[in-house]
């Protein structure tokens, strides 16, 4: 097996999505009156845009020192630190 090296790169991604004006009205129709944009968390709204929206712009930014040789990461599903 070929040896590999790993590096963690911290990057910040900014994405602009667009959805049809009636997207959230359709969610309300499908899921009931209580499922409106006013009742959704920011994470739920972002998920709707990311899953169903059209990506119209994306940019990446990096810190001054974006590289780390520590490839541990926090797994939010298991609430544990893991090594890649």
PDB file of N, CA and C in Angstrom:
ATOM      1  N   UNK A   1       0.833  -1.181   0.000  1.00  0.00           N
ATOM      2  CA  UNK A   1       0.000   0.000   0.000  1.00  0.00           C
ATOM      3  C   UNK A   1       0.882   1.251   0.000  1.00  0.00           C
ATOM      4  N   UNK A   2       0.524   2.207  -0.810  1.00  0.00           N
ATOM      5  CA  UNK A   2       1.308   3.429  -0.950  1.00  0.00           C
ATOM      6  C   UNK A   2       1.124   4.318   0.269  1.00  0.00           C
ATOM      7  N   UNK A   3       2.234   4.876   0.786  1.00  0.00           N
ATOM      8  CA  UNK A   3       2.169   5.778   1.936  1.00  0.00           C
ATOM      9  C   UNK A   3       1.543   7.104   1.520  1.00  0.00           C
ATOM     10  N   UNK A   4       0.847   7.715   2.460  1.00  0.00           N
ATOM     11  CA  UNK A   4       0.232   9.012   2.195  1.00  0.00           C
ATOM     12  C   UNK A   4       0.557   9.978   3.334  1.00  0.00           C
ATOM     13  N   UNK A   5       0.392  11.245   3.080  1.00  0.00           N
ATOM     14  CA  UNK A   5       0.486  12.251   4.127  1.00  0.00           C
ATOM     15  C   UNK A   5      -0.854  12.977   4.181  1.00  0.00           C
ATOM     16  N   UNK A   6      -1.184  13.468   5.366  1.00  0.00           N
ATOM     17  CA  UNK A   6      -2.457  14.142   5.560  1.00  0.00           C
ATOM     18  C   UNK A   6      -2.223  15.532   6.118  1.00  0.00           C
ATOM     19  N   UNK A   7      -3.069  16.437   5.745  1.00  0.00           N
ATOM     20  CA  UNK A   7      -3.020  17.786   6.270  1.00  0.00           C
ATOM     21  C   UNK A   7      -4.463  18.281   6.405  1.00  0.00           C
ATOM     22  N   UNK A   8      -4.705  19.047   7.440  1.00  0.00           N
ATOM     23  CA  UNK A   8      -6.018  19.655   7.625  1.00  0.00           C
ATOM     24  C   UNK A   8      -5.914  21.107   7.164  1.00  0.00           C
ATOM     25  N   UNK A   9      -6.823  21.527   6.286  1.00  0.00           N
ATOM     26  CA  UNK A   9      -6.838  22.887   5.773  1.00  0.00           C
ATOM     27  C   UNK A   9      -8.118  23.561   6.256  1.00  0.00           C
ATOM     28  N   UNK A  10      -7.954  24.639   7.000  1.00  0.00           N
ATOM     29  CA  UNK A  10      -9.105  25.413   7.464  1.00  0.00           C
ATOM     30  C   UNK A  10      -9.503  26.377   6.355  1.00  0.00           C
ATOM     31  N   UNK A  11     -10.690  26.176   5.808  1.00  0.00           N
ATOM     32  CA  UNK A  11     -11.178  27.082   4.791  1.00  0.00           C
ATOM     33  C   UNK A  11     -12.590  27.516   5.155  1.00  0.00           C
ATOM     34  N   UNK A  12     -12.894  28.720   4.808  1.00  0.00           N
ATOM     35  CA  UNK A  12     -14.217  29.276   5.061  1.00  0.00           C
ATOM     36  C   UNK A  12     -14.896  29.453   3.714  1.00  0.00           C
ATOM     37  N   UNK A  13     -16.058  28.837   3.591  1.00  0.00           N
ATOM     38  CA  UNK A  13     -16.785  28.853   2.324  1.00  0.00           C
ATOM     39  C   UNK A  13     -18.020  29.727   2.487  1.00  0.00           C
ATOM     40  N   UNK A  14     -18.189  30.640   1.563  1.00  0.00           N
ATOM     41  CA  UNK A  14     -19.391  31.462   1.533  1.00  0.00           C
ATOM     42  C   UNK A  14     -20.116  31.140   0.232  1.00  0.00           C
ATOM     43  N   UNK A  15     -21.390  30.771   0.348  1.00  0.00           N
ATOM     44  CA  UNK A  15     -22.168  30.359  -0.815  1.00  0.00           C
ATOM     45  C   UNK A  15     -23.477  31.129  -0.835  1.00  0.00           C
ATOM     46  N   UNK A  16     -23.879  31.561  -2.015  1.00  0.00           N
ATOM     47  CA  UNK A  16     -25.172  32.216  -2.194  1.00  0.00           C
ATOM     48  C   UNK A  16     -26.038  31.276  -3.025  1.00  0.00           C
ATOM     49  N   UNK A  17     -27.221  30.979  -2.518  1.00  0.00           N
ATOM     50  CA  UNK A  17     -28.184  30.124  -3.212  1.00  0.00           C
ATOM     51  C   UNK A  17     -29.438  30.937  -3.507  1.00  0.00           C
ATOM     52  N   UNK A  18     -30.208  30.469  -4.479  1.00  0.00           N
ATOM     53  CA  UNK A  18     -31.518  31.059  -4.710  1.00  0.00           C
ATOM     54  C   UNK A  18     -32.558  29.952  -4.811  1.00  0.00           C
ATOM     55  N   UNK A  19     -33.752  30.260  -4.356  1.00  0.00           N
ATOM     56  CA  UNK A  19     -34.898  29.357  -4.419  1.00  0.00           C
ATOM     57  C   UNK A  19     -36.067  30.121  -5.024  1.00  0.00           C
ATOM     58  N   UNK A  20     -37.031  29.423  -5.620  1.00  0.00           N
ATOM     59  CA  UNK A  20     -38.233  30.110  -6.084  1.00  0.00           C
ATOM     60  C   UNK A  20     -38.949  30.774  -4.904  1.00  0.00           C
ATOM     61  N   UNK A  21     -39.623  31.884  -5.183  1.00  0.00           N
ATOM     62  CA  UNK A  21     -40.331  32.626  -4.132  1.00  0.00           C
ATOM     63  C   UNK A  21     -41.310  31.769  -3.345  1.00  0.00           C
ATOM     64  N   UNK A  22     -41.896  30.768  -3.986  1.00  0.00           N
ATOM     65  CA  UNK A  22     -42.934  29.976  -3.321  1.00  0.00           C
ATOM     66  C   UNK A  22     -42.394  28.721  -2.622  1.00  0.00           C
ATOM     67  N   UNK A  23     -41.072  28.559  -2.563  1.00  0.00           N
ATOM     68  CA  UNK A  23     -40.505  27.335  -1.973  1.00  0.00           C
ATOM     69  C   UNK A  23     -41.004  27.107  -0.546  1.00  0.00           C
ATOM     70  N   UNK A  24     -40.935  28.127   0.292  1.00  0.00           N
ATOM     71  CA  UNK A  24     -41.328  27.941   1.691  1.00  0.00           C
ATOM     72  C   UNK A  24     -42.848  27.866   1.846  1.00  0.00           C
ATOM     73  N   UNK A  25     -43.606  28.475   0.928  1.00  0.00           N
ATOM     74  CA  UNK A  25     -45.065  28.303   0.926  1.00  0.00           C
ATOM     75  C   UNK A  25     -45.416  26.853   0.637  1.00  0.00           C
ATOM     76  N   UNK A  26     -44.688  26.238  -0.299  1.00  0.00           N
ATOM     77  CA  UNK A  26     -44.930  24.831  -0.629  1.00  0.00           C
ATOM     78  C   UNK A  26     -44.602  23.921   0.554  1.00  0.00           C
ATOM     79  N   UNK A  27     -43.575  24.251   1.316  1.00  0.00           N
ATOM     80  CA  UNK A  27     -43.256  23.460   2.516  1.00  0.00           C
ATOM     81  C   UNK A  27     -44.401  23.514   3.507  1.00  0.00           C
ATOM     82  N   UNK A  28     -44.963  24.699   3.664  1.00  0.00           N
ATOM     83  CA  UNK A  28     -46.088  24.875   4.588  1.00  0.00           C
ATOM     84  C   UNK A  28     -47.275  24.039   4.106  1.00  0.00           C
ATOM     85  N   UNK A  29     -47.546  24.049   2.807  1.00  0.00           N
ATOM     86  CA  UNK A  29     -48.651  23.268   2.252  1.00  0.00           C
ATOM     87  C   UNK A  29     -48.442  21.774   2.464  1.00  0.00           C
ATOM     88  N   UNK A  30     -47.179  21.325   2.322  1.00  0.00           N
ATOM     89  CA  UNK A  30     -46.861  19.903   2.451  1.00  0.00           C
ATOM     90  C   UNK A  30     -46.802  19.439   3.901  1.00  0.00           C
ATOM     91  N   UNK A  31     -46.382  20.332   4.815  1.00  0.00           N
ATOM     92  CA  UNK A  31     -46.098  19.922   6.189  1.00  0.00           C
ATOM     93  C   UNK A  31     -46.979  20.571   7.245  1.00  0.00           C
ATOM     94  N   UNK A  32     -47.930  21.376   6.840  1.00  0.00           N
ATOM     95  CA  UNK A  32     -48.830  21.992   7.813  1.00  0.00           C
ATOM     96  C   UNK A  32     -48.457  23.426   8.114  1.00  0.00           C
ATOM     97  N   UNK A  33     -49.414  24.138   8.666  1.00  0.00           N
ATOM     98  CA  UNK A  33     -49.276  25.564   8.961  1.00  0.00           C
ATOM     99  C   UNK A  33     -48.110  25.877   9.892  1.00  0.00           C
ATOM    100  N   UNK A  34     -47.760  24.953  10.781  1.00  0.00           N
ATOM    101  CA  UNK A  34     -46.713  25.247  11.761  1.00  0.00           C
ATOM    102  C   UNK A  34     -45.312  25.216  11.138  1.00  0.00           C
ATOM    103  N   UNK A  35     -45.201  24.740   9.903  1.00  0.00           N
ATOM    104  CA  UNK A  35     -43.892  24.629   9.252  1.00  0.00           C
ATOM    105  C   UNK A  35     -43.694  25.812   8.317  1.00  0.00           C
ATOM    106  N   UNK A  36     -43.442  26.970   8.900  1.00  0.00           N
ATOM    107  CA  UNK A  36     -43.196  28.173   8.109  1.00  0.00           C
ATOM    108  C   UNK A  36     -41.759  28.621   8.334  1.00  0.00           C
ATOM    109  N   UNK A  37     -41.304  29.528   7.502  1.00  0.00           N
ATOM    110  CA  UNK A  37     -39.940  30.028   7.630  1.00  0.00           C
ATOM    111  C   UNK A  37     -39.758  30.719   8.984  1.00  0.00           C
ATOM    112  N   UNK A  38     -40.812  31.324   9.507  1.00  0.00           N
ATOM    113  CA  UNK A  38     -40.733  31.984  10.807  1.00  0.00           C
ATOM    114  C   UNK A  38     -40.505  30.982  11.940  1.00  0.00           C
ATOM    115  N   UNK A  39     -40.947  29.747  11.747  1.00  0.00           N
ATOM    116  CA  UNK A  39     -40.820  28.717  12.787  1.00  0.00           C
ATOM    117  C   UNK A  39     -39.587  27.836  12.609  1.00  0.00           C
ATOM    118  N   UNK A  40     -38.847  28.055  11.533  1.00  0.00           N
ATOM    119  CA  UNK A  40     -37.674  27.224  11.251  1.00  0.00           C
ATOM    120  C   UNK A  40     -36.428  27.860  11.850  1.00  0.00           C
ATOM    121  N   UNK A  41     -35.492  27.029  12.280  1.00  0.00           N
ATOM    122  CA  UNK A  41     -34.209  27.536  12.768  1.00  0.00           C
ATOM    123  C   UNK A  41     -33.367  27.983  11.570  1.00  0.00           C
ATOM    124  N   UNK A  42     -32.339  28.753  11.838  1.00  0.00           N
ATOM    125  CA  UNK A  42     -31.422  29.167  10.773  1.00  0.00           C
ATOM    126  C   UNK A  42     -30.797  27.950  10.095  1.00  0.00           C
ATOM    127  N   UNK A  43     -30.489  26.911  10.876  1.00  0.00           N
ATOM    128  CA  UNK A  43     -29.897  25.694  10.308  1.00  0.00           C
ATOM    129  C   UNK A  43     -30.878  25.001   9.365  1.00  0.00           C
ATOM    130  N   UNK A  44     -32.156  24.959   9.737  1.00  0.00           N
ATOM    131  CA  UNK A  44     -33.165  24.346   8.864  1.00  0.00           C
ATOM    132  C   UNK A  44     -33.325  25.144   7.569  1.00  0.00           C
ATOM    133  N   UNK A  45     -33.326  26.467   7.673  1.00  0.00           N
ATOM    134  CA  UNK A  45     -33.443  27.306   6.484  1.00  0.00           C
ATOM    135  C   UNK A  45     -32.218  27.126   5.586  1.00  0.00           C
ATOM    136  N   UNK A  46     -31.032  27.127   6.189  1.00  0.00           N
ATOM    137  CA  UNK A  46     -29.806  26.928   5.408  1.00  0.00           C
ATOM    138  C   UNK A  46     -29.821  25.579   4.699  1.00  0.00           C
ATOM    139  N   UNK A  47     -30.316  24.554   5.377  1.00  0.00           N
ATOM    140  CA  UNK A  47     -30.397  23.221   4.777  1.00  0.00           C
ATOM    141  C   UNK A  47     -31.315  23.223   3.571  1.00  0.00           C
ATOM    142  N   UNK A  48     -32.445  23.910   3.668  1.00  0.00           N
ATOM    143  CA  UNK A  48     -33.364  24.000   2.524  1.00  0.00           C
ATOM    144  C   UNK A  48     -32.674  24.635   1.320  1.00  0.00           C
ATOM    145  N   UNK A  49     -31.971  25.746   1.565  1.00  0.00           N
ATOM    146  CA  UNK A  49     -31.276  26.410   0.466  1.00  0.00           C
ATOM    147  C   UNK A  49     -30.175  25.524  -0.109  1.00  0.00           C
ATOM    148  N   UNK A  50     -29.404  24.863   0.746  1.00  0.00           N
ATOM    149  CA  UNK A  50     -28.290  24.029   0.278  1.00  0.00           C
ATOM    150  C   UNK A  50     -28.786  22.800  -0.479  1.00  0.00           C
ATOM    151  N   UNK A  51     -29.889  22.198  -0.029  1.00  0.00           N
ATOM    152  CA  UNK A  51     -30.384  20.976  -0.668  1.00  0.00           C
ATOM    153  C   UNK A  51     -31.166  21.251  -1.948  1.00  0.00           C
ATOM    154  N   UNK A  52     -31.971  22.322  -1.948  1.00  0.00           N
ATOM    155  CA  UNK A  52     -32.902  22.521  -3.055  1.00  0.00           C
ATOM    156  C   UNK A  52     -32.633  23.780  -3.872  1.00  0.00           C
ATOM    157  N   UNK A  53     -31.734  24.632  -3.395  1.00  0.00           N
ATOM    158  CA  UNK A  53     -31.481  25.883  -4.092  1.00  0.00           C
ATOM    159  C   UNK A  53     -30.474  25.747  -5.211  1.00  0.00           C
ATOM    160  N   UNK A  54     -30.449  26.752  -6.040  1.00  0.00           N
ATOM    161  CA  UNK A  54     -29.470  26.834  -7.117  1.00  0.00           C
ATOM    162  C   UNK A  54     -28.292  27.649  -6.606  1.00  0.00           C
ATOM    163  N   UNK A  55     -27.092  27.078  -6.690  1.00  0.00           N
ATOM    164  CA  UNK A  55     -25.880  27.776  -6.253  1.00  0.00           C
ATOM    165  C   UNK A  55     -25.541  28.831  -7.306  1.00  0.00           C
ATOM    166  N   UNK A  56     -25.489  30.103  -6.872  1.00  0.00           N
ATOM    167  CA  UNK A  56     -25.204  31.165  -7.837  1.00  0.00           C
ATOM    168  C   UNK A  56     -23.860  31.852  -7.580  1.00  0.00           C
ATOM    169  N   UNK A  57     -23.250  31.585  -6.429  1.00  0.00           N
ATOM    170  CA  UNK A  57     -21.937  32.183  -6.132  1.00  0.00           C
ATOM    171  C   UNK A  57     -21.283  31.393  -5.007  1.00  0.00           C
ATOM    172  N   UNK A  58     -19.965  31.235  -5.098  1.00  0.00           N
ATOM    173  CA  UNK A  58     -19.232  30.594  -4.007  1.00  0.00           C
ATOM    174  C   UNK A  58     -17.807  31.135  -3.977  1.00  0.00           C
ATOM    175  N   UNK A  59     -17.329  31.395  -2.779  1.00  0.00           N
ATOM    176  CA  UNK A  59     -15.957  31.877  -2.610  1.00  0.00           C
ATOM    177  C   UNK A  59     -15.336  31.168  -1.412  1.00  0.00           C
ATOM    178  N   UNK A  60     -14.020  31.059  -1.431  1.00  0.00           N
ATOM    179  CA  UNK A  60     -13.263  30.418  -0.353  1.00  0.00           C
ATOM    180  C   UNK A  60     -12.289  31.429   0.213  1.00  0.00           C
ATOM    181  N   UNK A  61     -12.125  31.392   1.525  1.00  0.00           N
ATOM    182  CA  UNK A  61     -11.124  32.219   2.184  1.00  0.00           C
ATOM    183  C   UNK A  61     -10.332  31.339   3.131  1.00  0.00           C
ATOM    184  N   UNK A  62      -9.086  31.722   3.347  1.00  0.00           N
ATOM    185  CA  UNK A  62      -8.207  30.961   4.215  1.00  0.00           C
ATOM    186  C   UNK A  62      -7.611  31.879   5.265  1.00  0.00           C
ATOM    187  N   UNK A  63      -7.392  31.323   6.471  1.00  0.00           N
ATOM    188  CA  UNK A  63      -6.675  32.061   7.508  1.00  0.00           C
ATOM    189  C   UNK A  63      -5.249  32.319   7.059  1.00  0.00           C
ATOM    190  N   UNK A  64      -4.568  33.145   7.821  1.00  0.00           N
ATOM    191  CA  UNK A  64      -3.168  33.419   7.523  1.00  0.00           C
ATOM    192  C   UNK A  64      -2.328  32.135   7.611  1.00  0.00           C
ATOM    193  N   UNK A  65      -2.700  31.255   8.532  1.00  0.00           N
ATOM    194  CA  UNK A  65      -1.991  29.979   8.715  1.00  0.00           C
ATOM    195  C   UNK A  65      -3.025  28.847   8.649  1.00  0.00           C
ATOM    196  N   UNK A  66      -3.471  28.463   7.453  1.00  0.00           N
ATOM    197  CA  UNK A  66      -4.605  27.541   7.349  1.00  0.00           C
ATOM    198  C   UNK A  66      -4.272  26.056   7.482  1.00  0.00           C
ATOM    199  N   UNK A  67      -2.993  25.706   7.552  1.00  0.00           N
ATOM    200  CA  UNK A  67      -2.625  24.290   7.533  1.00  0.00           C
ATOM    201  C   UNK A  67      -2.304  23.776   8.928  1.00  0.00           C
ATOM    202  N   UNK A  68      -2.831  22.581   9.223  1.00  0.00           N
ATOM    203  CA  UNK A  68      -2.514  21.887  10.466  1.00  0.00           C
ATOM    204  C   UNK A  68      -2.184  20.442  10.129  1.00  0.00           C
ATOM    205  N   UNK A  69      -1.139  19.936  10.759  1.00  0.00           N
ATOM    206  CA  UNK A  69      -0.783  18.531  10.554  1.00  0.00           C
ATOM    207  C   UNK A  69      -1.560  17.622  11.501  1.00  0.00           C
ATOM    208  N   UNK A  70      -2.302  18.214  12.422  1.00  0.00           N
ATOM    209  CA  UNK A  70      -3.167  17.456  13.335  1.00  0.00           C
ATOM    210  C   UNK A  70      -4.472  17.171  12.608  1.00  0.00           C
ATOM    211  N   UNK A  71      -4.694  15.928  12.240  1.00  0.00           N
ATOM    212  CA  UNK A  71      -5.882  15.588  11.461  1.00  0.00           C
ATOM    213  C   UNK A  71      -7.014  15.043  12.323  1.00  0.00           C
ATOM    214  N   UNK A  72      -6.954  15.285  13.621  1.00  0.00           N
ATOM    215  CA  UNK A  72      -8.096  14.945  14.475  1.00  0.00           C
ATOM    216  C   UNK A  72      -9.266  15.848  14.110  1.00  0.00           C
ATOM    217  N   UNK A  73     -10.466  15.335  14.246  1.00  0.00           N
ATOM    218  CA  UNK A  73     -11.650  16.136  14.015  1.00  0.00           C
ATOM    219  C   UNK A  73     -12.730  15.719  14.995  1.00  0.00           C
ATOM    220  N   UNK A  74     -13.662  16.614  15.248  1.00  0.00           N
ATOM    221  CA  UNK A  74     -14.758  16.315  16.172  1.00  0.00           C
ATOM    222  C   UNK A  74     -15.942  15.808  15.367  1.00  0.00           C
ATOM    223  N   UNK A  75     -16.359  14.585  15.655  1.00  0.00           N
ATOM    224  CA  UNK A  75     -17.516  13.982  14.996  1.00  0.00           C
ATOM    225  C   UNK A  75     -18.754  14.368  15.788  1.00  0.00           C
ATOM    226  N   UNK A  76     -19.600  15.209  15.215  1.00  0.00           N
ATOM    227  CA  UNK A  76     -20.784  15.705  15.924  1.00  0.00           C
ATOM    228  C   UNK A  76     -21.855  14.629  16.100  1.00  0.00           C
ATOM    229  N   UNK A  77     -21.811  13.578  15.297  1.00  0.00           N
ATOM    230  CA  UNK A  77     -22.777  12.488  15.445  1.00  0.00           C
ATOM    231  C   UNK A  77     -22.456  11.630  16.665  1.00  0.00           C
ATOM    232  N   UNK A  78     -21.157  11.426  16.939  1.00  0.00           N
ATOM    233  CA  UNK A  78     -20.767  10.570  18.064  1.00  0.00           C
ATOM    234  C   UNK A  78     -20.302  11.374  19.274  1.00  0.00           C
ATOM    235  N   UNK A  79     -20.154  12.704  19.090  1.00  0.00           N
ATOM    236  CA  UNK A  79     -19.615  13.585  20.156  1.00  0.00           C
ATOM    237  C   UNK A  79     -18.252  13.112  20.631  1.00  0.00           C
ATOM    238  N   UNK A  80     -17.427  12.683  19.674  1.00  0.00           N
ATOM    239  CA  UNK A  80     -16.086  12.173  19.991  1.00  0.00           C
ATOM    240  C   UNK A  80     -15.069  12.806  19.037  1.00  0.00           C
ATOM    241  N   UNK A  81     -13.849  12.988  19.540  1.00  0.00           N
ATOM    242  CA  UNK A  81     -12.733  13.359  18.676  1.00  0.00           C
ATOM    243  C   UNK A  81     -12.240  12.101  17.986  1.00  0.00           C
ATOM    244  N   UNK A  82     -11.944  12.214  16.701  1.00  0.00           N
ATOM    245  CA  UNK A  82     -11.491  11.056  15.919  1.00  0.00           C
ATOM    246  C   UNK A  82     -10.269  11.437  15.098  1.00  0.00           C
ATOM    247  N   UNK A  83      -9.456  10.444  14.802  1.00  0.00           N
ATOM    248  CA  UNK A  83      -8.268  10.623  13.960  1.00  0.00           C
ATOM    249  C   UNK A  83      -8.597  10.062  12.579  1.00  0.00           C
ATOM    250  N   UNK A  84      -8.238  10.794  11.559  1.00  0.00           N
ATOM    251  CA  UNK A  84      -8.422  10.293  10.191  1.00  0.00           C
ATOM    252  C   UNK A  84      -7.267   9.390   9.803  1.00  0.00           C
TER     253      UNK A  84
END
